[in-house]
Amino acid sequence: MPLIDRILYSDKVPKMMVKSLDMMSTRQNLISSNISNVDTPGFKASDIDFQAQLREAMGSKGSLNLRATNSKHFGPSTSNIGDLSPDPFEESSAAKANGNNVDIDNEMAKMAENQIIYNATVQLMMKRGSTVRSAVTELPQQ
């Protein structure tokens, strides 16, 4: 089964997508805070790595934790996804003379990347909904 089909039709995907959107929203707020404090003396930039947290919760960090949902099926467990919460960490970039370590170019790049991933996730959720809706109503997809 192609990756896009697994993304669109897996039963585990909705929970994962919703949690991803929550984490990306939190990351966007952190990045915005970093940017707004670019000139604040002593301010330390922070970020979250939600993708690593999500991979760890799915059991795909180095190994795959499988859970039997049916005697004939195996798949990654999603029980840990609901328990995920943002885990901010302080950026390790070099500080300026005033103790502030915010790099505006880096923060703007992270903001753009985060927005692209957020929009792609929303598009996948919409496509999934459209596919399910067309299957139920037997109308062509829009």
C-alpha atoms as a PDB file:
ATOM      1  CA  MET A   1       0.000   0.000   0.000  1.00  0.00           C
ATOM      2  CA  PRO A   2       1.504   3.393  -0.977  1.00  0.00           C
ATOM      3  CA  LEU A   3       2.401   5.848   1.799  1.00  0.00           C
ATOM      4  CA  ILE A   4      -0.349   8.323   0.831  1.00  0.00           C
ATOM      5  CA  ASP A   5      -2.960   5.548   1.101  1.00  0.00           C
ATOM      6  CA  ARG A   6      -1.661   4.586   4.561  1.00  0.00           C
ATOM      7  CA  ILE A   7      -1.841   8.239   5.608  1.00  0.00           C
ATOM      8  CA  LEU A   8      -5.356   8.724   4.269  1.00  0.00           C
ATOM      9  CA  TYR A   9      -6.986   5.474   5.342  1.00  0.00           C
ATOM     10  CA  SER A  10      -5.321   4.222   8.528  1.00  0.00           C
ATOM     11  CA  ASP A  11      -7.492   4.246  11.648  1.00  0.00           C
ATOM     12  CA  LYS A  12      -4.552   5.556  13.687  1.00  0.00           C
ATOM     13  CA  VAL A  13      -4.031   8.641  11.539  1.00  0.00           C
ATOM     14  CA  PRO A  14      -6.789  10.995  12.816  1.00  0.00           C
ATOM     15  CA  LYS A  15      -5.506  10.914  16.385  1.00  0.00           C
ATOM     16  CA  MET A  16      -1.944  11.412  15.178  1.00  0.00           C
ATOM     17  CA  MET A  17      -2.890  14.323  12.901  1.00  0.00           C
ATOM     18  CA  VAL A  18      -4.861  16.128  15.598  1.00  0.00           C
ATOM     19  CA  LYS A  19      -1.996  15.774  18.067  1.00  0.00           C
ATOM     20  CA  SER A  20       0.436  16.982  15.372  1.00  0.00           C
ATOM     21  CA  LEU A  21      -1.673  20.086  14.778  1.00  0.00           C
ATOM     22  CA  ASP A  22      -1.757  20.787  18.514  1.00  0.00           C
ATOM     23  CA  MET A  23       2.006  20.440  18.799  1.00  0.00           C
ATOM     24  CA  MET A  24       2.649  22.586  15.715  1.00  0.00           C
ATOM     25  CA  SER A  25       0.381  25.274  17.114  1.00  0.00           C
ATOM     26  CA  THR A  26       2.364  25.236  20.367  1.00  0.00           C
ATOM     27  CA  ARG A  27       5.611  25.392  18.385  1.00  0.00           C
ATOM     28  CA  GLN A  28       4.317  28.364  16.398  1.00  0.00           C
ATOM     29  CA  ASN A  29       3.604  30.182  19.673  1.00  0.00           C
ATOM     30  CA  LEU A  30       7.115  29.423  20.949  1.00  0.00           C
ATOM     31  CA  ILE A  31       8.697  30.672  17.737  1.00  0.00           C
ATOM     32  CA  SER A  32       6.559  33.833  17.856  1.00  0.00           C
ATOM     33  CA  SER A  33       7.673  34.419  21.429  1.00  0.00           C
ATOM     34  CA  ASN A  34      11.299  33.988  20.400  1.00  0.00           C
ATOM     35  CA  ILE A  35      10.884  36.517  17.587  1.00  0.00           C
ATOM     36  CA  SER A  36       9.095  39.041  19.778  1.00  0.00           C
ATOM     37  CA  ASN A  37      11.932  38.826  22.317  1.00  0.00           C
ATOM     38  CA  VAL A  38      14.759  39.178  19.793  1.00  0.00           C
ATOM     39  CA  ASP A  39      16.078  42.302  21.590  1.00  0.00           C
ATOM     40  CA  THR A  40      15.266  41.309  25.177  1.00  0.00           C
ATOM     41  CA  PRO A  41      18.515  41.066  27.178  1.00  0.00           C
ATOM     42  CA  GLY A  42      19.135  37.606  28.620  1.00  0.00           C
ATOM     43  CA  PHE A  43      16.227  35.960  26.739  1.00  0.00           C
ATOM     44  CA  LYS A  44      16.891  32.348  25.693  1.00  0.00           C
ATOM     45  CA  ALA A  45      15.110  30.991  22.620  1.00  0.00           C
ATOM     46  CA  SER A  46      13.173  27.745  23.049  1.00  0.00           C
ATOM     47  CA  ASP A  47      11.638  25.203  20.700  1.00  0.00           C
ATOM     48  CA  ILE A  48       9.944  21.793  20.712  1.00  0.00           C
ATOM     49  CA  ASP A  49      10.741  18.760  18.584  1.00  0.00           C
ATOM     50  CA  PHE A  50       7.246  17.346  18.170  1.00  0.00           C
ATOM     51  CA  GLN A  51       8.284  15.084  15.304  1.00  0.00           C
ATOM     52  CA  ALA A  52      10.773  13.235  17.510  1.00  0.00           C
ATOM     53  CA  GLN A  53       8.178  12.989  20.295  1.00  0.00           C
ATOM     54  CA  LEU A  54       5.615  11.634  17.837  1.00  0.00           C
ATOM     55  CA  ARG A  55       8.069   9.067  16.445  1.00  0.00           C
ATOM     56  CA  GLU A  56       8.895   7.971  19.988  1.00  0.00           C
ATOM     57  CA  ALA A  57       5.211   7.665  20.924  1.00  0.00           C
ATOM     58  CA  MET A  58       4.564   5.617  17.780  1.00  0.00           C
ATOM     59  CA  GLY A  59       7.469   3.363  18.668  1.00  0.00           C
ATOM     60  CA  SER A  60       9.484   4.104  15.534  1.00  0.00           C
ATOM     61  CA  LYS A  61      12.541   5.568  17.249  1.00  0.00           C
ATOM     62  CA  GLY A  62      15.048   2.847  16.518  1.00  0.00           C
ATOM     63  CA  SER A  63      12.478   0.053  16.808  1.00  0.00           C
ATOM     64  CA  LEU A  64       8.846  -0.595  16.093  1.00  0.00           C
ATOM     65  CA  ASN A  65       6.589  -1.561  19.001  1.00  0.00           C
ATOM     66  CA  LEU A  66       3.792  -3.730  17.667  1.00  0.00           C
ATOM     67  CA  ARG A  67       0.473  -4.393  19.328  1.00  0.00           C
ATOM     68  CA  ALA A  68      -1.991  -6.988  18.109  1.00  0.00           C
ATOM     69  CA  THR A  69      -5.394  -5.461  17.389  1.00  0.00           C
ATOM     70  CA  ASN A  70      -6.590  -8.597  15.694  1.00  0.00           C
ATOM     71  CA  SER A  71      -5.016 -12.029  15.581  1.00  0.00           C
ATOM     72  CA  LYS A  72      -4.319 -11.446  11.862  1.00  0.00           C
ATOM     73  CA  HIS A  73      -3.182  -7.818  12.050  1.00  0.00           C
ATOM     74  CA  PHE A  74      -0.244  -6.011  13.553  1.00  0.00           C
ATOM     75  CA  GLY A  75       0.410  -2.293  13.715  1.00  0.00           C
ATOM     76  CA  PRO A  76       1.996   0.404  15.825  1.00  0.00           C
ATOM     77  CA  SER A  77       0.222   1.316  19.033  1.00  0.00           C
ATOM     78  CA  THR A  78      -1.283   4.796  19.277  1.00  0.00           C
ATOM     79  CA  SER A  79      -2.049   4.662  22.979  1.00  0.00           C
ATOM     80  CA  ASN A  80       0.906   6.942  23.758  1.00  0.00           C
ATOM     81  CA  ILE A  81      -0.131   9.656  21.285  1.00  0.00           C
ATOM     82  CA  GLY A  82      -2.880  11.042  23.492  1.00  0.00           C
ATOM     83  CA  ASP A  83      -0.419  11.410  26.352  1.00  0.00           C
ATOM     84  CA  LEU A  84       2.008  13.562  24.362  1.00  0.00           C
ATOM     85  CA  SER A  85       2.552  17.063  25.641  1.00  0.00           C
ATOM     86  CA  PRO A  86       4.932  19.754  24.401  1.00  0.00           C
ATOM     87  CA  ASP A  87       8.394  19.417  25.886  1.00  0.00           C
ATOM     88  CA  PRO A  88      10.149  22.745  25.228  1.00  0.00           C
ATOM     89  CA  PHE A  89      13.922  22.900  25.311  1.00  0.00           C
ATOM     90  CA  GLU A  90      16.289  25.844  25.305  1.00  0.00           C
ATOM     91  CA  GLU A  91      18.124  26.512  22.051  1.00  0.00           C
ATOM     92  CA  SER A  92      21.859  25.957  22.293  1.00  0.00           C
ATOM     93  CA  SER A  93      22.875  28.684  19.837  1.00  0.00           C
ATOM     94  CA  ALA A  94      25.522  31.216  20.825  1.00  0.00           C
ATOM     95  CA  ALA A  95      24.358  34.213  22.823  1.00  0.00           C
ATOM     96  CA  LYS A  96      24.986  37.822  21.843  1.00  0.00           C
ATOM     97  CA  ALA A  97      26.702  40.310  24.153  1.00  0.00           C
ATOM     98  CA  ASN A  98      23.416  40.983  25.984  1.00  0.00           C
ATOM     99  CA  GLY A  99      22.876  37.261  26.722  1.00  0.00           C
ATOM    100  CA  ASN A 100      20.106  36.862  24.137  1.00  0.00           C
ATOM    101  CA  ASN A 101      20.525  33.870  21.794  1.00  0.00           C
ATOM    102  CA  VAL A 102      17.622  34.504  19.368  1.00  0.00           C
ATOM    103  CA  ASP A 103      18.709  34.265  15.712  1.00  0.00           C
ATOM    104  CA  ILE A 104      15.976  36.017  13.742  1.00  0.00           C
ATOM    105  CA  ASP A 105      16.862  34.293  10.449  1.00  0.00           C
ATOM    106  CA  ASN A 106      16.742  30.862  12.080  1.00  0.00           C
ATOM    107  CA  GLU A 107      13.431  31.649  13.801  1.00  0.00           C
ATOM    108  CA  MET A 108      11.838  32.893  10.564  1.00  0.00           C
ATOM    109  CA  ALA A 109      12.982  29.709   8.760  1.00  0.00           C
ATOM    110  CA  LYS A 110      11.521  27.538  11.553  1.00  0.00           C
ATOM    111  CA  MET A 111       8.266  29.497  11.386  1.00  0.00           C
ATOM    112  CA  ALA A 112       7.982  28.983   7.615  1.00  0.00           C
ATOM    113  CA  GLU A 113       8.784  25.260   7.936  1.00  0.00           C
ATOM    114  CA  ASN A 114       6.238  24.836  10.731  1.00  0.00           C
ATOM    115  CA  GLN A 115       3.548  26.633   8.714  1.00  0.00           C
ATOM    116  CA  ILE A 116       4.189  24.445   5.646  1.00  0.00           C
ATOM    117  CA  ILE A 117       3.919  21.244   7.704  1.00  0.00           C
ATOM    118  CA  TYR A 118       0.780  22.543   9.445  1.00  0.00           C
ATOM    119  CA  ASN A 119      -0.881  23.383   6.104  1.00  0.00           C
ATOM    120  CA  ALA A 120       0.081  20.001   4.614  1.00  0.00           C
ATOM    121  CA  THR A 121      -1.410  18.204   7.628  1.00  0.00           C
ATOM    122  CA  VAL A 122      -4.652  20.166   7.318  1.00  0.00           C
ATOM    123  CA  GLN A 123      -4.784  19.328   3.582  1.00  0.00           C
ATOM    124  CA  LEU A 124      -4.337  15.617   4.357  1.00  0.00           C
ATOM    125  CA  MET A 125      -7.109  15.768   6.945  1.00  0.00           C
ATOM    126  CA  MET A 126      -9.410  17.483   4.428  1.00  0.00           C
ATOM    127  CA  LYS A 127      -8.547  14.917   1.732  1.00  0.00           C
ATOM    128  CA  ARG A 128      -9.250  12.084   4.147  1.00  0.00           C
ATOM    129  CA  GLY A 129     -12.604  13.606   5.058  1.00  0.00           C
ATOM    130  CA  SER A 130     -13.459  14.158   1.405  1.00  0.00           C
ATOM    131  CA  THR A 131     -12.597  10.549   0.563  1.00  0.00           C
ATOM    132  CA  VAL A 132     -14.719   9.156   3.387  1.00  0.00           C
ATOM    133  CA  ARG A 133     -17.603  11.522   2.534  1.00  0.00           C
ATOM    134  CA  SER A 134     -17.541  10.500  -1.143  1.00  0.00           C
ATOM    135  CA  ALA A 135     -17.517   6.819  -0.177  1.00  0.00           C
ATOM    136  CA  VAL A 136     -20.554   7.276   2.062  1.00  0.00           C
ATOM    137  CA  THR A 137     -22.528   9.427  -0.382  1.00  0.00           C
ATOM    138  CA  GLU A 138     -21.247   7.619  -3.473  1.00  0.00           C
ATOM    139  CA  LEU A 139     -20.546  10.990  -5.105  1.00  0.00           C
ATOM    140  CA  PRO A 140     -17.283  11.836  -6.869  1.00  0.00           C
ATOM    141  CA  GLN A 141     -14.571  13.503  -4.792  1.00  0.00           C
ATOM    142  CA  GLN A 142     -14.250  17.264  -4.963  1.00  0.00           C
END
